[in-house]
Amino acid sequence: MLRWTITFVILAIIAGILGFGGIAAGAAGIAKILFFIFLVLFVISLVSGRKKI
């Protein structure tokens, strides 16, 4: 999922450089949502992965 986030960030940067503001904003929004989903899943996996002895 982090790979998709990086892909959309790169797409947003390239679209912003080329002057496609709407596409850049859309790609940046998707990247932001994917990044937060990744963070939530990562924290859940850290918390549930710990085993108490």
N, C-alpha and C. Protein backbone atom coordinates (compact mmCIF):
# COMPACT_ATOMS: atom_id res chain seq x y z
N MET A 1 0.83 -1.19 0.00
CA MET A 1 0.00 0.00 0.00
C MET A 1 0.87 1.25 0.00
N LEU A 2 2.00 1.16 0.66
CA LEU A 2 2.91 2.30 0.67
C LEU A 2 3.46 2.57 -0.74
N ARG A 3 3.61 1.52 -1.51
CA ARG A 3 4.09 1.67 -2.89
C ARG A 3 3.08 2.47 -3.73
N TRP A 4 1.77 2.21 -3.52
CA TRP A 4 0.73 2.96 -4.23
C TRP A 4 0.76 4.43 -3.82
N THR A 5 0.99 4.68 -2.54
CA THR A 5 1.07 6.06 -2.05
C THR A 5 2.19 6.81 -2.74
N ILE A 6 3.35 6.18 -2.81
CA ILE A 6 4.50 6.81 -3.46
C ILE A 6 4.22 7.04 -4.94
N THR A 7 3.55 6.08 -5.58
CA THR A 7 3.20 6.23 -6.99
C THR A 7 2.30 7.44 -7.22
N PHE A 8 1.28 7.60 -6.37
CA PHE A 8 0.38 8.74 -6.54
C PHE A 8 1.05 10.07 -6.21
N VAL A 9 1.99 10.06 -5.26
CA VAL A 9 2.72 11.30 -4.96
C VAL A 9 3.58 11.70 -6.15
N ILE A 10 4.25 10.75 -6.75
CA ILE A 10 5.08 11.04 -7.93
C ILE A 10 4.20 11.52 -9.08
N LEU A 11 3.05 10.88 -9.27
CA LEU A 11 2.11 11.31 -10.31
C LEU A 11 1.64 12.74 -10.05
N ALA A 12 1.35 13.07 -8.80
CA ALA A 12 0.91 14.43 -8.46
C ALA A 12 2.02 15.45 -8.73
N ILE A 13 3.24 15.10 -8.41
CA ILE A 13 4.36 16.03 -8.65
C ILE A 13 4.55 16.27 -10.15
N ILE A 14 4.53 15.20 -10.94
CA ILE A 14 4.71 15.34 -12.38
C ILE A 14 3.56 16.13 -13.00
N ALA A 15 2.33 15.84 -12.57
CA ALA A 15 1.18 16.57 -13.10
C ALA A 15 1.23 18.04 -12.69
N GLY A 16 1.70 18.33 -11.48
CA GLY A 16 1.84 19.71 -11.04
C GLY A 16 2.89 20.47 -11.85
N ILE A 17 3.98 19.81 -12.15
CA ILE A 17 5.04 20.44 -12.94
C ILE A 17 4.54 20.74 -14.36
N LEU A 18 3.76 19.81 -14.92
CA LEU A 18 3.27 20.00 -16.29
C LEU A 18 2.06 20.92 -16.38
N GLY A 19 1.54 21.34 -15.23
CA GLY A 19 0.45 22.31 -15.24
C GLY A 19 -0.95 21.72 -15.16
N PHE A 20 -1.07 20.45 -14.87
CA PHE A 20 -2.38 19.83 -14.74
C PHE A 20 -2.79 19.88 -13.26
N GLY A 21 -3.36 21.00 -12.86
CA GLY A 21 -3.68 21.23 -11.45
C GLY A 21 -4.74 20.30 -10.91
N GLY A 22 -5.78 20.03 -11.68
CA GLY A 22 -6.85 19.16 -11.20
C GLY A 22 -6.38 17.73 -11.00
N ILE A 23 -5.61 17.23 -11.95
CA ILE A 23 -5.09 15.87 -11.83
C ILE A 23 -4.11 15.78 -10.67
N ALA A 24 -3.29 16.81 -10.49
CA ALA A 24 -2.33 16.82 -9.40
C ALA A 24 -3.04 16.83 -8.06
N ALA A 25 -4.09 17.60 -7.93
CA ALA A 25 -4.84 17.65 -6.67
C ALA A 25 -5.53 16.32 -6.39
N GLY A 26 -6.07 15.71 -7.41
CA GLY A 26 -6.72 14.40 -7.24
C GLY A 26 -5.73 13.33 -6.83
N ALA A 27 -4.59 13.29 -7.48
CA ALA A 27 -3.57 12.29 -7.14
C ALA A 27 -3.02 12.52 -5.75
N ALA A 28 -2.84 13.78 -5.37
CA ALA A 28 -2.34 14.08 -4.02
C ALA A 28 -3.38 13.68 -2.97
N GLY A 29 -4.65 13.89 -3.25
CA GLY A 29 -5.70 13.48 -2.32
C GLY A 29 -5.75 11.98 -2.14
N ILE A 30 -5.63 11.24 -3.24
CA ILE A 30 -5.61 9.78 -3.16
C ILE A 30 -4.39 9.30 -2.39
N ALA A 31 -3.25 9.93 -2.64
CA ALA A 31 -2.03 9.54 -1.93
C ALA A 31 -2.16 9.79 -0.43
N LYS A 32 -2.80 10.88 -0.06
CA LYS A 32 -2.98 11.19 1.36
C LYS A 32 -3.87 10.16 2.03
N ILE A 33 -4.96 9.79 1.37
CA ILE A 33 -5.87 8.79 1.94
C ILE A 33 -5.18 7.44 2.07
N LEU A 34 -4.45 7.02 1.04
CA LEU A 34 -3.75 5.75 1.10
C LEU A 34 -2.68 5.74 2.19
N PHE A 35 -2.02 6.87 2.38
CA PHE A 35 -0.98 6.94 3.41
C PHE A 35 -1.58 6.79 4.80
N PHE A 36 -2.72 7.43 5.05
CA PHE A 36 -3.34 7.31 6.37
C PHE A 36 -3.88 5.90 6.60
N ILE A 37 -4.40 5.27 5.56
CA ILE A 37 -4.84 3.88 5.70
C ILE A 37 -3.64 2.99 6.02
N PHE A 38 -2.52 3.23 5.34
CA PHE A 38 -1.30 2.48 5.62
C PHE A 38 -0.86 2.67 7.07
N LEU A 39 -0.89 3.91 7.56
CA LEU A 39 -0.48 4.16 8.94
C LEU A 39 -1.38 3.43 9.94
N VAL A 40 -2.68 3.47 9.73
CA VAL A 40 -3.60 2.80 10.63
C VAL A 40 -3.35 1.29 10.63
N LEU A 41 -3.21 0.70 9.46
CA LEU A 41 -2.95 -0.74 9.39
C LEU A 41 -1.60 -1.10 10.01
N PHE A 42 -0.62 -0.25 9.85
CA PHE A 42 0.70 -0.50 10.43
C PHE A 42 0.64 -0.48 11.95
N VAL A 43 -0.05 0.50 12.52
CA VAL A 43 -0.18 0.59 13.97
C VAL A 43 -0.97 -0.60 14.51
N ILE A 44 -2.02 -0.98 13.82
CA ILE A 44 -2.81 -2.14 14.26
C ILE A 44 -1.95 -3.41 14.24
N SER A 45 -1.15 -3.56 13.22
CA SER A 45 -0.30 -4.75 13.14
C SER A 45 0.79 -4.73 14.21
N LEU A 46 1.28 -3.56 14.57
CA LEU A 46 2.26 -3.48 15.65
C LEU A 46 1.64 -3.85 16.99
N VAL A 47 0.45 -3.34 17.26
CA VAL A 47 -0.20 -3.59 18.53
C VAL A 47 -0.63 -5.05 18.64
N SER A 48 -1.20 -5.60 17.59
CA SER A 48 -1.71 -6.97 17.66
C SER A 48 -0.58 -7.99 17.53
N GLY A 49 0.55 -7.59 17.04
CA GLY A 49 1.68 -8.51 16.85
C GLY A 49 2.44 -8.82 18.11
N ARG A 50 2.29 -8.00 19.13
CA ARG A 50 3.01 -8.23 20.39
C ARG A 50 2.37 -9.37 21.15
N LYS A 51 3.21 -10.27 21.62
CA LYS A 51 2.72 -11.39 22.40
C LYS A 51 3.17 -11.25 23.83
N LYS A 52 2.25 -11.39 24.74
CA LYS A 52 2.58 -11.28 26.16
C LYS A 52 2.90 -12.65 26.70
N ILE A 53 3.96 -12.70 27.46
CA ILE A 53 4.40 -13.97 28.03
C ILE A 53 3.80 -14.16 29.41
